[in-house]
Amino acid sequence: MAELDTGFFVRWLTETAAAVDREADRLTELDSAIGDADHGSNLRRGFTAVTAALAEKPPPSPGAALGLAGRTLVSKVGGASGPLYGTLLRRTGKELGDAATVSRDDLARAMAAGVEAVTALGGAAEGDKTMLDALLPAVRALPESFTAARRAAAEGAVGTVPLRARRGRASYLGDRSIGHEDPGAASSLLLVSALERTWEAADE
């Protein structure tokens, strides 16, 4: 399998930004049911800033690209999503280090560390109706293929619908949180889907 270089990671983050922009209204609609109704607008603002930061100061390595994206999200996005996504990307980038290219297995290990950092920050676990319900299955499936990761994230996101929220603002709703897809899981699916599309485009 081909190694993943810095350009790949920049394209992945740019593709994620485009996906967030397309789906921002849907994310906000999901968040209006069980949150603050700002998830889509917050992430759109954050990833627009990420795209600008990557263009202004091209990163020297995959890890640096993720680190820059993570720092930008933390500084630009309010609410919980900025620190959570920022932590995911920064920790993943830190795990990749200064390597000029990385393998899919390297990325899987690094993302596992990133998800672990998100778990520690938010205090949530799989099944709590959060972004982790999409991210954890995706990371487990990533060593198999990018497509397997996307499918696992999709199943995880849909799987949040019947769950009762145990963390975040949605947890205050109790049983009223049941029947709604978690917006964080939905946006996490966008991130993983963008990864698959970036790989498919690079493989053409």
C-alpha atoms as a PDB file:
ATOM      1  CA  MET A   1       0.000   0.000   0.000  1.00  0.00           C
ATOM      2  CA  ALA A   2       1.218   3.492  -0.859  1.00  0.00           C
ATOM      3  CA  GLU A   3       2.538   5.691   1.903  1.00  0.00           C
ATOM      4  CA  LEU A   4       0.527   8.756   2.872  1.00  0.00           C
ATOM      5  CA  ASP A   5       2.429  12.016   2.457  1.00  0.00           C
ATOM      6  CA  THR A   6       1.797  15.572   3.625  1.00  0.00           C
ATOM      7  CA  GLY A   7      -0.212  16.387   0.507  1.00  0.00           C
ATOM      8  CA  PHE A   8      -2.582  13.546   1.299  1.00  0.00           C
ATOM      9  CA  PHE A   9      -3.280  14.924   4.768  1.00  0.00           C
ATOM     10  CA  VAL A  10      -3.795  18.466   3.488  1.00  0.00           C
ATOM     11  CA  ARG A  11      -6.259  17.131   0.896  1.00  0.00           C
ATOM     12  CA  TRP A  12      -8.025  15.096   3.596  1.00  0.00           C
ATOM     13  CA  LEU A  13      -8.482  18.142   5.811  1.00  0.00           C
ATOM     14  CA  THR A  14      -9.584  20.254   2.841  1.00  0.00           C
ATOM     15  CA  GLU A  15     -12.088  17.570   1.806  1.00  0.00           C
ATOM     16  CA  THR A  16     -13.379  17.456   5.386  1.00  0.00           C
ATOM     17  CA  ALA A  17     -13.850  21.234   5.332  1.00  0.00           C
ATOM     18  CA  ALA A  18     -15.843  20.966   2.093  1.00  0.00           C
ATOM     19  CA  ALA A  19     -18.008  18.186   3.561  1.00  0.00           C
ATOM     20  CA  VAL A  20     -18.664  20.191   6.731  1.00  0.00           C
ATOM     21  CA  ASP A  21     -19.632  23.189   4.612  1.00  0.00           C
ATOM     22  CA  ARG A  22     -22.085  21.074   2.590  1.00  0.00           C
ATOM     23  CA  GLU A  23     -23.599  19.403   5.660  1.00  0.00           C
ATOM     24  CA  ALA A  24     -23.471  22.283   8.147  1.00  0.00           C
ATOM     25  CA  ASP A  25     -27.221  22.921   8.013  1.00  0.00           C
ATOM     26  CA  ARG A  26     -27.962  19.241   8.637  1.00  0.00           C
ATOM     27  CA  LEU A  27     -25.521  19.125  11.560  1.00  0.00           C
ATOM     28  CA  THR A  28     -27.170  22.183  13.061  1.00  0.00           C
ATOM     29  CA  GLU A  29     -30.596  20.626  12.549  1.00  0.00           C
ATOM     30  CA  LEU A  30     -29.470  17.507  14.412  1.00  0.00           C
ATOM     31  CA  ASP A  31     -28.009  19.688  17.155  1.00  0.00           C
ATOM     32  CA  SER A  32     -31.208  21.729  17.443  1.00  0.00           C
ATOM     33  CA  ALA A  33     -33.023  18.595  18.604  1.00  0.00           C
ATOM     34  CA  ILE A  34     -30.658  17.673  21.435  1.00  0.00           C
ATOM     35  CA  GLY A  35     -28.043  20.429  21.751  1.00  0.00           C
ATOM     36  CA  ASP A  36     -27.351  24.128  21.243  1.00  0.00           C
ATOM     37  CA  ALA A  37     -28.185  24.255  17.501  1.00  0.00           C
ATOM     38  CA  ASP A  38     -24.698  25.492  16.651  1.00  0.00           C
ATOM     39  CA  HIS A  39     -22.685  22.372  15.793  1.00  0.00           C
ATOM     40  CA  GLY A  40     -22.785  22.898  12.037  1.00  0.00           C
ATOM     41  CA  SER A  41     -22.032  26.615  12.117  1.00  0.00           C
ATOM     42  CA  ASN A  42     -19.232  26.141  14.642  1.00  0.00           C
ATOM     43  CA  LEU A  43     -17.530  23.391  12.644  1.00  0.00           C
ATOM     44  CA  ARG A  44     -17.969  25.296   9.371  1.00  0.00           C
ATOM     45  CA  ARG A  45     -16.213  28.299  10.876  1.00  0.00           C
ATOM     46  CA  GLY A  46     -13.465  26.102  12.320  1.00  0.00           C
ATOM     47  CA  PHE A  47     -12.709  24.082   9.203  1.00  0.00           C
ATOM     48  CA  THR A  48     -12.841  27.182   7.002  1.00  0.00           C
ATOM     49  CA  ALA A  49     -10.099  28.553   9.250  1.00  0.00           C
ATOM     50  CA  VAL A  50      -8.202  25.249   8.968  1.00  0.00           C
ATOM     51  CA  THR A  51      -8.203  25.467   5.173  1.00  0.00           C
ATOM     52  CA  ALA A  52      -6.915  29.044   5.346  1.00  0.00           C
ATOM     53  CA  ALA A  53      -4.193  28.117   7.846  1.00  0.00           C
ATOM     54  CA  LEU A  54      -2.963  25.221   5.707  1.00  0.00           C
ATOM     55  CA  ALA A  55      -2.772  27.480   2.658  1.00  0.00           C
ATOM     56  CA  GLU A  56      -1.037  30.286   4.532  1.00  0.00           C
ATOM     57  CA  LYS A  57       1.636  28.097   6.103  1.00  0.00           C
ATOM     58  CA  PRO A  58       2.039  24.761   4.266  1.00  0.00           C
ATOM     59  CA  PRO A  59       2.976  22.111   6.851  1.00  0.00           C
ATOM     60  CA  PRO A  60       6.215  20.100   6.471  1.00  0.00           C
ATOM     61  CA  SER A  61       4.784  16.719   7.493  1.00  0.00           C
ATOM     62  CA  PRO A  62       1.532  14.799   8.019  1.00  0.00           C
ATOM     63  CA  GLY A  63       1.839  15.244  11.768  1.00  0.00           C
ATOM     64  CA  ALA A  64       2.381  18.976  11.386  1.00  0.00           C
ATOM     65  CA  ALA A  65      -0.699  19.257   9.159  1.00  0.00           C
ATOM     66  CA  LEU A  66      -2.900  17.615  11.783  1.00  0.00           C
ATOM     67  CA  GLY A  67      -1.310  19.623  14.574  1.00  0.00           C
ATOM     68  CA  LEU A  68      -1.969  22.907  12.777  1.00  0.00           C
ATOM     69  CA  ALA A  69      -5.562  21.875  12.090  1.00  0.00           C
ATOM     70  CA  GLY A  70      -6.103  20.892  15.715  1.00  0.00           C
ATOM     71  CA  ARG A  71      -4.686  24.134  17.091  1.00  0.00           C
ATOM     72  CA  THR A  72      -6.805  26.135  14.669  1.00  0.00           C
ATOM     73  CA  LEU A  73     -10.001  24.356  15.703  1.00  0.00           C
ATOM     74  CA  VAL A  74      -9.293  24.930  19.383  1.00  0.00           C
ATOM     75  CA  SER A  75      -8.766  28.656  18.801  1.00  0.00           C
ATOM     76  CA  LYS A  76     -11.660  29.226  16.373  1.00  0.00           C
ATOM     77  CA  VAL A  77     -14.502  26.945  17.477  1.00  0.00           C
ATOM     78  CA  GLY A  78     -16.646  27.570  20.513  1.00  0.00           C
ATOM     79  CA  GLY A  79     -18.520  25.036  22.572  1.00  0.00           C
ATOM     80  CA  ALA A  80     -17.321  21.485  23.059  1.00  0.00           C
ATOM     81  CA  SER A  81     -16.599  20.616  19.438  1.00  0.00           C
ATOM     82  CA  GLY A  82     -13.500  22.815  19.110  1.00  0.00           C
ATOM     83  CA  PRO A  83     -11.582  21.296  22.034  1.00  0.00           C
ATOM     84  CA  LEU A  84     -12.735  17.757  21.178  1.00  0.00           C
ATOM     85  CA  TYR A  85     -11.880  17.818  17.475  1.00  0.00           C
ATOM     86  CA  GLY A  86      -8.793  19.882  18.204  1.00  0.00           C
ATOM     87  CA  THR A  87      -7.618  17.299  20.715  1.00  0.00           C
ATOM     88  CA  LEU A  88      -8.309  14.461  18.264  1.00  0.00           C
ATOM     89  CA  LEU A  89      -6.239  16.008  15.486  1.00  0.00           C
ATOM     90  CA  ARG A  90      -3.441  17.392  17.664  1.00  0.00           C
ATOM     91  CA  ARG A  91      -2.879  14.114  19.473  1.00  0.00           C
ATOM     92  CA  THR A  92      -3.036  12.147  16.227  1.00  0.00           C
ATOM     93  CA  GLY A  93      -0.485  14.512  14.715  1.00  0.00           C
ATOM     94  CA  LYS A  94       1.762  14.252  17.760  1.00  0.00           C
ATOM     95  CA  GLU A  95       1.723  10.458  17.505  1.00  0.00           C
ATOM     96  CA  LEU A  96       2.770  10.634  13.850  1.00  0.00           C
ATOM     97  CA  GLY A  97       5.745  12.806  14.774  1.00  0.00           C
ATOM     98  CA  ASP A  98       7.930  14.333  12.062  1.00  0.00           C
ATOM     99  CA  ALA A  99       7.739  11.452   9.566  1.00  0.00           C
ATOM    100  CA  ALA A 100       7.482  12.620   5.946  1.00  0.00           C
ATOM    101  CA  THR A 101       5.191   9.716   5.060  1.00  0.00           C
ATOM    102  CA  VAL A 102       3.096   7.314   7.121  1.00  0.00           C
ATOM    103  CA  SER A 103       1.239   4.069   6.467  1.00  0.00           C
ATOM    104  CA  ARG A 104      -2.444   3.386   7.064  1.00  0.00           C
ATOM    105  CA  ASP A 105      -1.443   1.297  10.072  1.00  0.00           C
ATOM    106  CA  ASP A 106       0.585   4.247  11.405  1.00  0.00           C
ATOM    107  CA  LEU A 107      -2.463   6.470  11.002  1.00  0.00           C
ATOM    108  CA  ALA A 108      -4.705   3.904  12.699  1.00  0.00           C
ATOM    109  CA  ARG A 109      -2.398   3.736  15.718  1.00  0.00           C
ATOM    110  CA  ALA A 110      -2.110   7.524  15.881  1.00  0.00           C
ATOM    111  CA  MET A 111      -5.872   8.035  15.584  1.00  0.00           C
ATOM    112  CA  ALA A 112      -6.436   5.479  18.318  1.00  0.00           C
ATOM    113  CA  ALA A 113      -4.286   7.648  20.581  1.00  0.00           C
ATOM    114  CA  GLY A 114      -6.224  10.714  19.443  1.00  0.00           C
ATOM    115  CA  VAL A 115      -9.555   9.091  20.238  1.00  0.00           C
ATOM    116  CA  GLU A 116      -8.195   8.014  23.614  1.00  0.00           C
ATOM    117  CA  ALA A 117      -7.321  11.658  24.324  1.00  0.00           C
ATOM    118  CA  VAL A 118     -10.861  12.690  23.362  1.00  0.00           C
ATOM    119  CA  THR A 119     -12.220  10.042  25.711  1.00  0.00           C
ATOM    120  CA  ALA A 120     -10.107  11.395  28.553  1.00  0.00           C
ATOM    121  CA  LEU A 121     -11.112  14.999  27.827  1.00  0.00           C
ATOM    122  CA  GLY A 122     -14.854  14.416  27.514  1.00  0.00           C
ATOM    123  CA  GLY A 123     -15.237  11.557  29.980  1.00  0.00           C
ATOM    124  CA  ALA A 124     -17.456   9.662  27.551  1.00  0.00           C
ATOM    125  CA  ALA A 125     -17.396   6.035  26.463  1.00  0.00           C
ATOM    126  CA  GLU A 126     -18.781   4.111  23.513  1.00  0.00           C
ATOM    127  CA  GLY A 127     -22.558   3.898  23.844  1.00  0.00           C
ATOM    128  CA  ASP A 128     -22.917   7.301  25.522  1.00  0.00           C
ATOM    129  CA  LYS A 129     -24.320   8.865  22.306  1.00  0.00           C
ATOM    130  CA  THR A 130     -21.319  11.013  21.374  1.00  0.00           C
ATOM    131  CA  MET A 131     -18.770  11.371  18.559  1.00  0.00           C
ATOM    132  CA  LEU A 132     -16.983   8.341  20.038  1.00  0.00           C
ATOM    133  CA  ASP A 133     -19.760   6.074  18.771  1.00  0.00           C
ATOM    134  CA  ALA A 134     -18.543   6.795  15.234  1.00  0.00           C
ATOM    135  CA  LEU A 135     -14.844   7.311  15.906  1.00  0.00           C
ATOM    136  CA  LEU A 136     -14.068   4.199  17.950  1.00  0.00           C
ATOM    137  CA  PRO A 137     -15.518   1.713  15.413  1.00  0.00           C
ATOM    138  CA  ALA A 138     -13.787   3.606  12.601  1.00  0.00           C
ATOM    139  CA  VAL A 139     -10.399   3.415  14.276  1.00  0.00           C
ATOM    140  CA  ARG A 140     -10.838  -0.292  14.962  1.00  0.00           C
ATOM    141  CA  ALA A 141     -11.662  -0.906  11.295  1.00  0.00           C
ATOM    142  CA  LEU A 142      -9.019   1.392   9.791  1.00  0.00           C
ATOM    143  CA  PRO A 143      -6.233  -1.242   9.679  1.00  0.00           C
ATOM    144  CA  GLU A 144      -8.489  -3.233   7.318  1.00  0.00           C
ATOM    145  CA  SER A 145      -9.215  -0.410   4.862  1.00  0.00           C
ATOM    146  CA  PHE A 146     -10.405   3.178   4.572  1.00  0.00           C
ATOM    147  CA  THR A 147     -13.745   1.885   3.295  1.00  0.00           C
ATOM    148  CA  ALA A 148     -14.135  -0.396   6.303  1.00  0.00           C
ATOM    149  CA  ALA A 149     -13.473   2.579   8.565  1.00  0.00           C
ATOM    150  CA  ARG A 150     -16.107   4.672   6.819  1.00  0.00           C
ATOM    151  CA  ARG A 151     -18.669   1.872   6.985  1.00  0.00           C
ATOM    152  CA  ALA A 152     -17.982   1.357  10.698  1.00  0.00           C
ATOM    153  CA  ALA A 153     -18.348   5.081  11.369  1.00  0.00           C
ATOM    154  CA  ALA A 154     -21.629   5.155   9.426  1.00  0.00           C
ATOM    155  CA  GLU A 155     -23.014   2.232  11.411  1.00  0.00           C
ATOM    156  CA  GLY A 156     -21.893   3.871  14.624  1.00  0.00           C
ATOM    157  CA  ALA A 157     -23.501   7.210  13.769  1.00  0.00           C
ATOM    158  CA  VAL A 158     -26.846   5.617  12.852  1.00  0.00           C
ATOM    159  CA  GLY A 159     -26.525   3.478  15.955  1.00  0.00           C
ATOM    160  CA  THR A 160     -26.725   6.582  18.167  1.00  0.00           C
ATOM    161  CA  VAL A 161     -30.380   7.165  17.206  1.00  0.00           C
ATOM    162  CA  PRO A 162     -31.926   4.731  19.737  1.00  0.00           C
ATOM    163  CA  LEU A 163     -29.419   5.569  22.472  1.00  0.00           C
ATOM    164  CA  ARG A 164     -30.071   7.688  25.550  1.00  0.00           C
ATOM    165  CA  ALA A 165     -27.408  10.380  25.861  1.00  0.00           C
ATOM    166  CA  ARG A 166     -25.163  10.046  28.895  1.00  0.00           C
ATOM    167  CA  ARG A 167     -22.692  12.848  28.198  1.00  0.00           C
ATOM    168  CA  GLY A 168     -22.833  16.394  26.907  1.00  0.00           C
ATOM    169  CA  ARG A 169     -25.760  18.765  26.725  1.00  0.00           C
ATOM    170  CA  ALA A 170     -27.998  16.064  25.259  1.00  0.00           C
ATOM    171  CA  SER A 171     -27.716  14.096  28.512  1.00  0.00           C
ATOM    172  CA  TYR A 172     -29.831  16.762  30.232  1.00  0.00           C
ATOM    173  CA  LEU A 173     -32.781  15.694  28.073  1.00  0.00           C
ATOM    174  CA  GLY A 174     -32.843  12.186  29.472  1.00  0.00           C
ATOM    175  CA  ASP A 175     -35.198   9.927  27.517  1.00  0.00           C
ATOM    176  CA  ARG A 176     -36.033  12.803  25.157  1.00  0.00           C
ATOM    177  CA  SER A 177     -32.580  12.344  23.591  1.00  0.00           C
ATOM    178  CA  ILE A 178     -33.699   8.938  22.297  1.00  0.00           C
ATOM    179  CA  GLY A 179     -34.673   8.879  18.621  1.00  0.00           C
ATOM    180  CA  HIS A 180     -32.167  11.489  17.432  1.00  0.00           C
ATOM    181  CA  GLU A 181     -28.808  10.964  15.703  1.00  0.00           C
ATOM    182  CA  ASP A 182     -25.952  12.468  17.665  1.00  0.00           C
ATOM    183  CA  PRO A 183     -24.535  15.485  15.794  1.00  0.00           C
ATOM    184  CA  GLY A 184     -20.991  14.733  16.953  1.00  0.00           C
ATOM    185  CA  ALA A 185     -21.210  11.210  15.571  1.00  0.00           C
ATOM    186  CA  ALA A 186     -22.599  12.637  12.325  1.00  0.00           C
ATOM    187  CA  SER A 187     -19.719  15.094  11.954  1.00  0.00           C
ATOM    188  CA  SER A 188     -17.204  12.388  12.846  1.00  0.00           C
ATOM    189  CA  LEU A 189     -18.613  10.358   9.973  1.00  0.00           C
ATOM    190  CA  LEU A 190     -17.892  13.311   7.674  1.00  0.00           C
ATOM    191  CA  LEU A 191     -14.245  13.268   8.790  1.00  0.00           C
ATOM    192  CA  VAL A 192     -13.872   9.526   8.155  1.00  0.00           C
ATOM    193  CA  SER A 193     -15.794   9.657   4.869  1.00  0.00           C
ATOM    194  CA  ALA A 194     -13.484  12.431   3.670  1.00  0.00           C
ATOM    195  CA  LEU A 195     -10.531  10.190   4.505  1.00  0.00           C
ATOM    196  CA  GLU A 196     -11.939   7.429   2.313  1.00  0.00           C
ATOM    197  CA  ARG A 197     -12.639   9.811  -0.576  1.00  0.00           C
ATOM    198  CA  THR A 198      -9.134  11.282  -0.353  1.00  0.00           C
ATOM    199  CA  TRP A 199      -7.636   7.802  -0.559  1.00  0.00           C
ATOM    200  CA  GLU A 200      -9.847   6.833  -3.494  1.00  0.00           C
ATOM    201  CA  ALA A 201      -8.853   9.982  -5.370  1.00  0.00           C
ATOM    202  CA  ALA A 202      -5.167   9.327  -4.698  1.00  0.00           C
ATOM    203  CA  ASP A 203      -5.533   5.744  -5.884  1.00  0.00           C
ATOM    204  CA  GLU A 204      -7.082   6.648  -9.252  1.00  0.00           C
END
